[in-house]
Amino acid sequence: MNHKALESWREEKRSAYLYRLVSDAESGTARQMLFLELAQAAERQAELWQAEIGKAGATLSLFTGRKAWRGGARMLLIGAAAGAATWAIGRALGVALS
């Protein structure tokens, strides 16, 4: 698995989330639009990393004999599960973004 791509995807998703939080805090100001644009840019970048993760999974199908789409989907599910686990652990420990 391409750990760099997975970590980059997570970071872009986290960035988009944080930019939206800041945008909400800046409601009614010119900075609000700036942070919304940054959130959208981070989401677009996350989509590019998501495609890379899917390609890595599809490439594995060459070695496993499984269908390429299954390998890609598997990689995306692993990434999503890792992100959800990270969030849940943070939540359980009382970590909050403020």
PDB file of N, CA and C in Angstrom:
ATOM      1  N   MET A   1       0.843  -1.179   0.000  1.00  0.00           N
ATOM      2  CA  MET A   1       0.000   0.000   0.000  1.00  0.00           C
ATOM      3  C   MET A   1       0.889   1.243   0.000  1.00  0.00           C
ATOM      4  N   ASN A   2       0.470   2.239  -0.702  1.00  0.00           N
ATOM      5  CA  ASN A   2       1.224   3.474  -0.791  1.00  0.00           C
ATOM      6  C   ASN A   2       0.875   4.347   0.423  1.00  0.00           C
ATOM      7  N   HIS A   3       1.697   4.247   1.467  1.00  0.00           N
ATOM      8  CA  HIS A   3       1.407   4.966   2.710  1.00  0.00           C
ATOM      9  C   HIS A   3       1.484   6.478   2.531  1.00  0.00           C
ATOM     10  N   LYS A   4       2.369   6.929   1.646  1.00  0.00           N
ATOM     11  CA  LYS A   4       2.482   8.375   1.404  1.00  0.00           C
ATOM     12  C   LYS A   4       1.168   8.912   0.834  1.00  0.00           C
ATOM     13  N   ALA A   5       0.602   8.199  -0.111  1.00  0.00           N
ATOM     14  CA  ALA A   5      -0.664   8.636  -0.706  1.00  0.00           C
ATOM     15  C   ALA A   5      -1.781   8.627   0.328  1.00  0.00           C
ATOM     16  N   LEU A   6      -1.815   7.606   1.153  1.00  0.00           N
ATOM     17  CA  LEU A   6      -2.863   7.518   2.176  1.00  0.00           C
ATOM     18  C   LEU A   6      -2.715   8.644   3.195  1.00  0.00           C
ATOM     19  N   GLU A   7      -1.498   8.879   3.646  1.00  0.00           N
ATOM     20  CA  GLU A   7      -1.273   9.951   4.605  1.00  0.00           C
ATOM     21  C   GLU A   7      -1.590  11.315   3.985  1.00  0.00           C
ATOM     22  N   SER A   8      -1.227  11.500   2.736  1.00  0.00           N
ATOM     23  CA  SER A   8      -1.516  12.772   2.054  1.00  0.00           C
ATOM     24  C   SER A   8      -3.017  12.974   1.906  1.00  0.00           C
ATOM     25  N   TRP A   9      -3.738  11.891   1.589  1.00  0.00           N
ATOM     26  CA  TRP A   9      -5.198  11.969   1.469  1.00  0.00           C
ATOM     27  C   TRP A   9      -5.809  12.396   2.806  1.00  0.00           C
ATOM     28  N   ARG A  10      -5.336  11.761   3.883  1.00  0.00           N
ATOM     29  CA  ARG A  10      -5.850  12.102   5.214  1.00  0.00           C
ATOM     30  C   ARG A  10      -5.575  13.564   5.554  1.00  0.00           C
ATOM     31  N   GLU A  11      -4.366  14.006   5.266  1.00  0.00           N
ATOM     32  CA  GLU A  11      -4.000  15.395   5.577  1.00  0.00           C
ATOM     33  C   GLU A  11      -4.839  16.392   4.787  1.00  0.00           C
ATOM     34  N   GLU A  12      -5.106  16.099   3.524  1.00  0.00           N
ATOM     35  CA  GLU A  12      -5.935  17.001   2.710  1.00  0.00           C
ATOM     36  C   GLU A  12      -7.365  17.035   3.226  1.00  0.00           C
ATOM     37  N   LYS A  13      -7.896  15.879   3.616  1.00  0.00           N
ATOM     38  CA  LYS A  13      -9.248  15.841   4.174  1.00  0.00           C
ATOM     39  C   LYS A  13      -9.314  16.621   5.488  1.00  0.00           C
ATOM     40  N   ARG A  14      -8.287  16.449   6.311  1.00  0.00           N
ATOM     41  CA  ARG A  14      -8.225  17.173   7.579  1.00  0.00           C
ATOM     42  C   ARG A  14      -8.123  18.679   7.327  1.00  0.00           C
ATOM     43  N   SER A  15      -7.311  19.051   6.355  1.00  0.00           N
ATOM     44  CA  SER A  15      -7.168  20.471   6.018  1.00  0.00           C
ATOM     45  C   SER A  15      -8.496  21.066   5.571  1.00  0.00           C
ATOM     46  N   ALA A  16      -9.208  20.337   4.713  1.00  0.00           N
ATOM     47  CA  ALA A  16     -10.504  20.829   4.230  1.00  0.00           C
ATOM     48  C   ALA A  16     -11.463  21.032   5.401  1.00  0.00           C
ATOM     49  N   TYR A  17     -11.478  20.083   6.314  1.00  0.00           N
ATOM     50  CA  TYR A  17     -12.350  20.181   7.488  1.00  0.00           C
ATOM     51  C   TYR A  17     -11.998  21.411   8.329  1.00  0.00           C
ATOM     52  N   LEU A  18     -10.704  21.588   8.581  1.00  0.00           N
ATOM     53  CA  LEU A  18     -10.273  22.723   9.405  1.00  0.00           C
ATOM     54  C   LEU A  18     -10.541  24.050   8.711  1.00  0.00           C
ATOM     55  N   TYR A  19     -10.320  24.121   7.401  1.00  0.00           N
ATOM     56  CA  TYR A  19     -10.622  25.353   6.673  1.00  0.00           C
ATOM     57  C   TYR A  19     -12.110  25.688   6.774  1.00  0.00           C
ATOM     58  N   ARG A  20     -12.962  24.663   6.743  1.00  0.00           N
ATOM     59  CA  ARG A  20     -14.402  24.923   6.879  1.00  0.00           C
ATOM     60  C   ARG A  20     -14.748  25.423   8.278  1.00  0.00           C
ATOM     61  N   LEU A  21     -14.093  24.867   9.288  1.00  0.00           N
ATOM     62  CA  LEU A  21     -14.321  25.349  10.650  1.00  0.00           C
ATOM     63  C   LEU A  21     -13.935  26.825  10.784  1.00  0.00           C
ATOM     64  N   VAL A  22     -12.784  27.169  10.227  1.00  0.00           N
ATOM     65  CA  VAL A  22     -12.339  28.562  10.299  1.00  0.00           C
ATOM     66  C   VAL A  22     -13.284  29.445   9.502  1.00  0.00           C
ATOM     67  N   SER A  23     -13.725  28.948   8.353  1.00  0.00           N
ATOM     68  CA  SER A  23     -14.663  29.712   7.533  1.00  0.00           C
ATOM     69  C   SER A  23     -15.942  30.006   8.308  1.00  0.00           C
ATOM     70  N   ASP A  24     -16.443  29.029   9.033  1.00  0.00           N
ATOM     71  CA  ASP A  24     -17.650  29.236   9.849  1.00  0.00           C
ATOM     72  C   ASP A  24     -17.405  30.284  10.928  1.00  0.00           C
ATOM     73  N   ALA A  25     -16.201  30.258  11.501  1.00  0.00           N
ATOM     74  CA  ALA A  25     -15.869  31.231  12.545  1.00  0.00           C
ATOM     75  C   ALA A  25     -15.732  32.641  11.976  1.00  0.00           C
ATOM     76  N   GLU A  26     -15.411  32.731  10.700  1.00  0.00           N
ATOM     77  CA  GLU A  26     -15.228  34.032  10.038  1.00  0.00           C
ATOM     78  C   GLU A  26     -16.485  34.458   9.278  1.00  0.00           C
ATOM     79  N   SER A  27     -17.610  33.930   9.647  1.00  0.00           N
ATOM     80  CA  SER A  27     -18.871  34.207   8.954  1.00  0.00           C
ATOM     81  C   SER A  27     -19.114  35.704   8.799  1.00  0.00           C
ATOM     82  N   GLY A  28     -19.457  36.079   7.574  1.00  0.00           N
ATOM     83  CA  GLY A  28     -19.773  37.471   7.301  1.00  0.00           C
ATOM     84  C   GLY A  28     -18.572  38.349   6.995  1.00  0.00           C
ATOM     85  N   THR A  29     -17.383  37.766   6.928  1.00  0.00           N
ATOM     86  CA  THR A  29     -16.189  38.557   6.613  1.00  0.00           C
ATOM     87  C   THR A  29     -15.629  38.123   5.266  1.00  0.00           C
ATOM     88  N   ALA A  30     -14.712  38.907   4.737  1.00  0.00           N
ATOM     89  CA  ALA A  30     -14.056  38.556   3.472  1.00  0.00           C
ATOM     90  C   ALA A  30     -13.208  37.296   3.641  1.00  0.00           C
ATOM     91  N   ARG A  31     -12.718  37.074   4.840  1.00  0.00           N
ATOM     92  CA  ARG A  31     -11.896  35.879   5.092  1.00  0.00           C
ATOM     93  C   ARG A  31     -12.708  34.597   4.965  1.00  0.00           C
ATOM     94  N   GLN A  32     -14.005  34.673   5.173  1.00  0.00           N
ATOM     95  CA  GLN A  32     -14.839  33.481   5.067  1.00  0.00           C
ATOM     96  C   GLN A  32     -14.705  32.853   3.685  1.00  0.00           C
ATOM     97  N   MET A  33     -14.772  33.668   2.640  1.00  0.00           N
ATOM     98  CA  MET A  33     -14.665  33.142   1.274  1.00  0.00           C
ATOM     99  C   MET A  33     -13.273  32.571   1.001  1.00  0.00           C
ATOM    100  N   LEU A  34     -12.258  33.202   1.540  1.00  0.00           N
ATOM    101  CA  LEU A  34     -10.895  32.703   1.378  1.00  0.00           C
ATOM    102  C   LEU A  34     -10.784  31.288   1.946  1.00  0.00           C
ATOM    103  N   PHE A  35     -11.283  31.086   3.158  1.00  0.00           N
ATOM    104  CA  PHE A  35     -11.184  29.772   3.778  1.00  0.00           C
ATOM    105  C   PHE A  35     -12.077  28.741   3.093  1.00  0.00           C
ATOM    106  N   LEU A  36     -13.206  29.166   2.546  1.00  0.00           N
ATOM    107  CA  LEU A  36     -14.035  28.241   1.768  1.00  0.00           C
ATOM    108  C   LEU A  36     -13.301  27.797   0.503  1.00  0.00           C
ATOM    109  N   GLU A  37     -12.624  28.726  -0.154  1.00  0.00           N
ATOM    110  CA  GLU A  37     -11.851  28.382  -1.351  1.00  0.00           C
ATOM    111  C   GLU A  37     -10.699  27.438  -1.005  1.00  0.00           C
ATOM    112  N   LEU A  38     -10.054  27.676   0.126  1.00  0.00           N
ATOM    113  CA  LEU A  38      -8.988  26.776   0.554  1.00  0.00           C
ATOM    114  C   LEU A  38      -9.535  25.378   0.847  1.00  0.00           C
ATOM    115  N   ALA A  39     -10.714  25.305   1.454  1.00  0.00           N
ATOM    116  CA  ALA A  39     -11.340  24.007   1.724  1.00  0.00           C
ATOM    117  C   ALA A  39     -11.640  23.268   0.423  1.00  0.00           C
ATOM    118  N   GLN A  40     -12.147  23.988  -0.562  1.00  0.00           N
ATOM    119  CA  GLN A  40     -12.445  23.364  -1.851  1.00  0.00           C
ATOM    120  C   GLN A  40     -11.174  22.876  -2.539  1.00  0.00           C
ATOM    121  N   ALA A  41     -10.112  23.662  -2.444  1.00  0.00           N
ATOM    122  CA  ALA A  41      -8.837  23.254  -3.042  1.00  0.00           C
ATOM    123  C   ALA A  41      -8.298  22.003  -2.349  1.00  0.00           C
ATOM    124  N   ALA A  42      -8.421  21.933  -1.035  1.00  0.00           N
ATOM    125  CA  ALA A  42      -7.967  20.753  -0.297  1.00  0.00           C
ATOM    126  C   ALA A  42      -8.793  19.527  -0.682  1.00  0.00           C
ATOM    127  N   GLU A  43     -10.094  19.696  -0.887  1.00  0.00           N
ATOM    128  CA  GLU A  43     -10.948  18.578  -1.321  1.00  0.00           C
ATOM    129  C   GLU A  43     -10.537  18.083  -2.699  1.00  0.00           C
ATOM    130  N   ARG A  44     -10.229  19.009  -3.613  1.00  0.00           N
ATOM    131  CA  ARG A  44      -9.780  18.600  -4.951  1.00  0.00           C
ATOM    132  C   ARG A  44      -8.464  17.825  -4.863  1.00  0.00           C
ATOM    133  N   GLN A  45      -7.564  18.284  -4.014  1.00  0.00           N
ATOM    134  CA  GLN A  45      -6.297  17.581  -3.844  1.00  0.00           C
ATOM    135  C   GLN A  45      -6.531  16.198  -3.236  1.00  0.00           C
ATOM    136  N   ALA A  46      -7.451  16.099  -2.294  1.00  0.00           N
ATOM    137  CA  ALA A  46      -7.769  14.800  -1.693  1.00  0.00           C
ATOM    138  C   ALA A  46      -8.305  13.836  -2.748  1.00  0.00           C
ATOM    139  N   GLU A  47      -9.082  14.352  -3.697  1.00  0.00           N
ATOM    140  CA  GLU A  47      -9.594  13.503  -4.778  1.00  0.00           C
ATOM    141  C   GLU A  47      -8.458  12.946  -5.623  1.00  0.00           C
ATOM    142  N   LEU A  48      -7.425  13.758  -5.852  1.00  0.00           N
ATOM    143  CA  LEU A  48      -6.267  13.271  -6.609  1.00  0.00           C
ATOM    144  C   LEU A  48      -5.543  12.157  -5.856  1.00  0.00           C
ATOM    145  N   TRP A  49      -5.375  12.338  -4.546  1.00  0.00           N
ATOM    146  CA  TRP A  49      -4.741  11.298  -3.740  1.00  0.00           C
ATOM    147  C   TRP A  49      -5.609  10.047  -3.686  1.00  0.00           C
ATOM    148  N   GLN A  50      -6.921  10.239  -3.642  1.00  0.00           N
ATOM    149  CA  GLN A  50      -7.835   9.097  -3.637  1.00  0.00           C
ATOM    150  C   GLN A  50      -7.670   8.280  -4.914  1.00  0.00           C
ATOM    151  N   ALA A  51      -7.501   8.954  -6.034  1.00  0.00           N
ATOM    152  CA  ALA A  51      -7.279   8.251  -7.302  1.00  0.00           C
ATOM    153  C   ALA A  51      -5.968   7.465  -7.260  1.00  0.00           C
ATOM    154  N   GLU A  52      -4.940   8.043  -6.659  1.00  0.00           N
ATOM    155  CA  GLU A  52      -3.657   7.350  -6.534  1.00  0.00           C
ATOM    156  C   GLU A  52      -3.785   6.096  -5.673  1.00  0.00           C
ATOM    157  N   ILE A  53      -4.541   6.197  -4.592  1.00  0.00           N
ATOM    158  CA  ILE A  53      -4.761   5.042  -3.714  1.00  0.00           C
ATOM    159  C   ILE A  53      -5.498   3.952  -4.486  1.00  0.00           C
ATOM    160  N   GLY A  54      -6.503   4.360  -5.259  1.00  0.00           N
ATOM    161  CA  GLY A  54      -7.247   3.394  -6.064  1.00  0.00           C
ATOM    162  C   GLY A  54      -6.359   2.708  -7.085  1.00  0.00           C
ATOM    163  N   LYS A  55      -5.461   3.471  -7.701  1.00  0.00           N
ATOM    164  CA  LYS A  55      -4.527   2.877  -8.675  1.00  0.00           C
ATOM    165  C   LYS A  55      -3.605   1.876  -8.004  1.00  0.00           C
ATOM    166  N   ALA A  56      -3.163   2.197  -6.798  1.00  0.00           N
ATOM    167  CA  ALA A  56      -2.286   1.274  -6.072  1.00  0.00           C
ATOM    168  C   ALA A  56      -3.014  -0.044  -5.811  1.00  0.00           C
ATOM    169  N   GLY A  57      -4.270   0.055  -5.429  1.00  0.00           N
ATOM    170  CA  GLY A  57      -5.054  -1.160  -5.198  1.00  0.00           C
ATOM    171  C   GLY A  57      -5.279  -1.942  -6.473  1.00  0.00           C
ATOM    172  N   ALA A  58      -5.519  -1.220  -7.559  1.00  0.00           N
ATOM    173  CA  ALA A  58      -5.721  -1.896  -8.845  1.00  0.00           C
ATOM    174  C   ALA A  58      -4.438  -2.586  -9.296  1.00  0.00           C
ATOM    175  N   THR A  59      -3.303  -1.970  -9.026  1.00  0.00           N
ATOM    176  CA  THR A  59      -2.022  -2.568  -9.391  1.00  0.00           C
ATOM    177  C   THR A  59      -1.798  -3.870  -8.640  1.00  0.00           C
ATOM    178  N   LEU A  60      -2.226  -3.919  -7.390  1.00  0.00           N
ATOM    179  CA  LEU A  60      -2.086  -5.157  -6.614  1.00  0.00           C
ATOM    180  C   LEU A  60      -2.825  -6.325  -7.262  1.00  0.00           C
ATOM    181  N   SER A  61      -3.865  -6.008  -8.009  1.00  0.00           N
ATOM    182  CA  SER A  61      -4.634  -7.081  -8.640  1.00  0.00           C
ATOM    183  C   SER A  61      -3.782  -7.862  -9.642  1.00  0.00           C
ATOM    184  N   LEU A  62      -2.738  -7.245 -10.150  1.00  0.00           N
ATOM    185  CA  LEU A  62      -1.830  -7.963 -11.054  1.00  0.00           C
ATOM    186  C   LEU A  62      -1.148  -9.121 -10.338  1.00  0.00           C
ATOM    187  N   PHE A  63      -0.951  -8.985  -9.037  1.00  0.00           N
ATOM    188  CA  PHE A  63      -0.264 -10.008  -8.261  1.00  0.00           C
ATOM    189  C   PHE A  63      -1.221 -10.966  -7.562  1.00  0.00           C
ATOM    190  N   THR A  64      -2.419 -10.497  -7.274  1.00  0.00           N
ATOM    191  CA  THR A  64      -3.367 -11.332  -6.533  1.00  0.00           C
ATOM    192  C   THR A  64      -4.329 -12.091  -7.441  1.00  0.00           C
ATOM    193  N   GLY A  65      -4.468 -11.628  -8.679  1.00  0.00           N
ATOM    194  CA  GLY A  65      -5.398 -12.269  -9.598  1.00  0.00           C
ATOM    195  C   GLY A  65      -6.838 -11.817  -9.423  1.00  0.00           C
ATOM    196  N   ARG A  66      -7.068 -10.894  -8.515  1.00  0.00           N
ATOM    197  CA  ARG A  66      -8.420 -10.372  -8.314  1.00  0.00           C
ATOM    198  C   ARG A  66      -8.709  -9.272  -9.313  1.00  0.00           C
ATOM    199  N   LYS A  67      -9.972  -8.875  -9.361  1.00  0.00           N
ATOM    200  CA  LYS A  67     -10.369  -7.800 -10.270  1.00  0.00           C
ATOM    201  C   LYS A  67      -9.782  -6.474  -9.799  1.00  0.00           C
ATOM    202  N   ALA A  68      -9.380  -5.649 -10.769  1.00  0.00           N
ATOM    203  CA  ALA A  68      -8.732  -4.378 -10.459  1.00  0.00           C
ATOM    204  C   ALA A  68      -9.633  -3.479  -9.619  1.00  0.00           C
ATOM    205  N   TRP A  69     -10.922  -3.415  -9.942  1.00  0.00           N
ATOM    206  CA  TRP A  69     -11.816  -2.528  -9.194  1.00  0.00           C
ATOM    207  C   TRP A  69     -11.935  -2.965  -7.742  1.00  0.00           C
ATOM    208  N   ARG A  70     -11.833  -4.285  -7.489  1.00  0.00           N
ATOM    209  CA  ARG A  70     -11.910  -4.767  -6.103  1.00  0.00           C
ATOM    210  C   ARG A  70     -10.679  -4.344  -5.312  1.00  0.00           C
ATOM    211  N   GLY A  71      -9.514  -4.405  -5.962  1.00  0.00           N
ATOM    212  CA  GLY A  71      -8.290  -3.981  -5.294  1.00  0.00           C
ATOM    213  C   GLY A  71      -8.324  -2.499  -4.968  1.00  0.00           C
ATOM    214  N   GLY A  72      -8.798  -1.692  -5.931  1.00  0.00           N
ATOM    215  CA  GLY A  72      -8.906  -0.258  -5.705  1.00  0.00           C
ATOM    216  C   GLY A  72      -9.893   0.070  -4.603  1.00  0.00           C
ATOM    217  N   ALA A  73     -11.037  -0.603  -4.641  1.00  0.00           N
ATOM    218  CA  ALA A  73     -12.057  -0.376  -3.609  1.00  0.00           C
ATOM    219  C   ALA A  73     -11.539  -0.793  -2.239  1.00  0.00           C
ATOM    220  N   ARG A  74     -10.792  -1.897  -2.212  1.00  0.00           N
ATOM    221  CA  ARG A  74     -10.227  -2.373  -0.946  1.00  0.00           C
ATOM    222  C   ARG A  74      -9.294  -1.330  -0.343  1.00  0.00           C
ATOM    223  N   MET A  75      -8.438  -0.759  -1.170  1.00  0.00           N
ATOM    224  CA  MET A  75      -7.507   0.262  -0.679  1.00  0.00           C
ATOM    225  C   MET A  75      -8.262   1.479  -0.142  1.00  0.00           C
ATOM    226  N   LEU A  76      -9.301   1.889  -0.856  1.00  0.00           N
ATOM    227  CA  LEU A  76     -10.080   3.042  -0.406  1.00  0.00           C
ATOM    228  C   LEU A  76     -10.789   2.743   0.913  1.00  0.00           C
ATOM    229  N   LEU A  77     -11.294   1.537   1.054  1.00  0.00           N
ATOM    230  CA  LEU A  77     -11.963   1.160   2.303  1.00  0.00           C
ATOM    231  C   LEU A  77     -10.978   1.108   3.470  1.00  0.00           C
ATOM    232  N   ILE A  78      -9.781   0.583   3.211  1.00  0.00           N
ATOM    233  CA  ILE A  78      -8.759   0.550   4.265  1.00  0.00           C
ATOM    234  C   ILE A  78      -8.419   1.973   4.698  1.00  0.00           C
ATOM    235  N   GLY A  79      -8.258   2.863   3.724  1.00  0.00           N
ATOM    236  CA  GLY A  79      -7.953   4.254   4.043  1.00  0.00           C
ATOM    237  C   GLY A  79      -9.064   4.914   4.838  1.00  0.00           C
ATOM    238  N   ALA A  80     -10.302   4.672   4.426  1.00  0.00           N
ATOM    239  CA  ALA A  80     -11.443   5.253   5.142  1.00  0.00           C
ATOM    240  C   ALA A  80     -11.535   4.698   6.559  1.00  0.00           C
ATOM    241  N   ALA A  81     -11.288   3.404   6.705  1.00  0.00           N
ATOM    242  CA  ALA A  81     -11.333   2.794   8.035  1.00  0.00           C
ATOM    243  C   ALA A  81     -10.240   3.359   8.935  1.00  0.00           C
ATOM    244  N   ALA A  82      -9.058   3.566   8.377  1.00  0.00           N
ATOM    245  CA  ALA A  82      -7.957   4.133   9.160  1.00  0.00           C
ATOM    246  C   ALA A  82      -8.307   5.552   9.611  1.00  0.00           C
ATOM    247  N   GLY A  83      -8.893   6.328   8.721  1.00  0.00           N
ATOM    248  CA  GLY A  83      -9.301   7.686   9.084  1.00  0.00           C
ATOM    249  C   GLY A  83     -10.374   7.685  10.157  1.00  0.00           C
ATOM    250  N   ALA A  84     -11.346   6.794  10.028  1.00  0.00           N
ATOM    251  CA  ALA A  84     -12.417   6.704  11.020  1.00  0.00           C
ATOM    252  C   ALA A  84     -11.875   6.258  12.373  1.00  0.00           C
ATOM    253  N   ALA A  85     -10.937   5.317  12.362  1.00  0.00           N
ATOM    254  CA  ALA A  85     -10.346   4.847  13.615  1.00  0.00           C
ATOM    255  C   ALA A  85      -9.577   5.971  14.293  1.00  0.00           C
ATOM    256  N   THR A  86      -8.845   6.742  13.506  1.00  0.00           N
ATOM    257  CA  THR A  86      -8.096   7.869  14.065  1.00  0.00           C
ATOM    258  C   THR A  86      -9.040   8.874  14.709  1.00  0.00           C
ATOM    259  N   TRP A  87     -10.133   9.168  14.021  1.00  0.00           N
ATOM    260  CA  TRP A  87     -11.123  10.107  14.558  1.00  0.00           C
ATOM    261  C   TRP A  87     -11.721   9.564  15.859  1.00  0.00           C
ATOM    262  N   ALA A  88     -12.086   8.265  15.855  1.00  0.00           N
ATOM    263  CA  ALA A  88     -12.730   7.667  17.027  1.00  0.00           C
ATOM    264  C   ALA A  88     -11.789   7.664  18.227  1.00  0.00           C
ATOM    265  N   ILE A  89     -10.521   7.378  17.993  1.00  0.00           N
ATOM    266  CA  ILE A  89      -9.551   7.366  19.092  1.00  0.00           C
ATOM    267  C   ILE A  89      -9.404   8.780  19.660  1.00  0.00           C
ATOM    268  N   GLY A  90      -9.296   9.751  18.773  1.00  0.00           N
ATOM    269  CA  GLY A  90      -9.205  11.145  19.224  1.00  0.00           C
ATOM    270  C   GLY A  90     -10.428  11.551  20.021  1.00  0.00           C
ATOM    271  N   ARG A  91     -11.582  11.158  19.530  1.00  0.00           N
ATOM    272  CA  ARG A  91     -12.835  11.488  20.210  1.00  0.00           C
ATOM    273  C   ARG A  91     -12.887  10.841  21.603  1.00  0.00           C
ATOM    274  N   ALA A  92     -12.473   9.558  21.665  1.00  0.00           N
ATOM    275  CA  ALA A  92     -12.487   8.836  22.934  1.00  0.00           C
ATOM    276  C   ALA A  92     -11.519   9.446  23.943  1.00  0.00           C
ATOM    277  N   LEU A  93     -10.426  10.006  23.450  1.00  0.00           N
ATOM    278  CA  LEU A  93      -9.428  10.638  24.333  1.00  0.00           C
ATOM    279  C   LEU A  93      -9.789  12.079  24.670  1.00  0.00           C
ATOM    280  N   GLY A  94     -10.875  12.573  24.076  1.00  0.00           N
ATOM    281  CA  GLY A  94     -11.310  13.924  24.388  1.00  0.00           C
ATOM    282  C   GLY A  94     -10.588  15.002  23.597  1.00  0.00           C
ATOM    283  N   VAL A  95      -9.978  14.606  22.490  1.00  0.00           N
ATOM    284  CA  VAL A  95      -9.291  15.583  21.657  1.00  0.00           C
ATOM    285  C   VAL A  95     -10.330  16.381  20.896  1.00  0.00           C
ATOM    286  N   ALA A  96     -10.213  17.696  20.938  1.00  0.00           N
ATOM    287  CA  ALA A  96     -11.156  18.563  20.236  1.00  0.00           C
ATOM    288  C   ALA A  96     -10.399  19.636  19.498  1.00  0.00           C
ATOM    289  N   LEU A  97     -10.885  19.999  18.348  1.00  0.00           N
ATOM    290  CA  LEU A  97     -10.306  21.079  17.564  1.00  0.00           C
ATOM    291  C   LEU A  97     -11.047  22.358  17.891  1.00  0.00           C
ATOM    292  N   SER A  98     -10.345  23.301  18.461  1.00  0.00           N
ATOM    293  CA  SER A  98     -11.001  24.562  18.795  1.00  0.00           C
ATOM    294  C   SER A  98     -10.019  25.707  18.713  1.00  0.00           C
TER     295      SER A  98
END
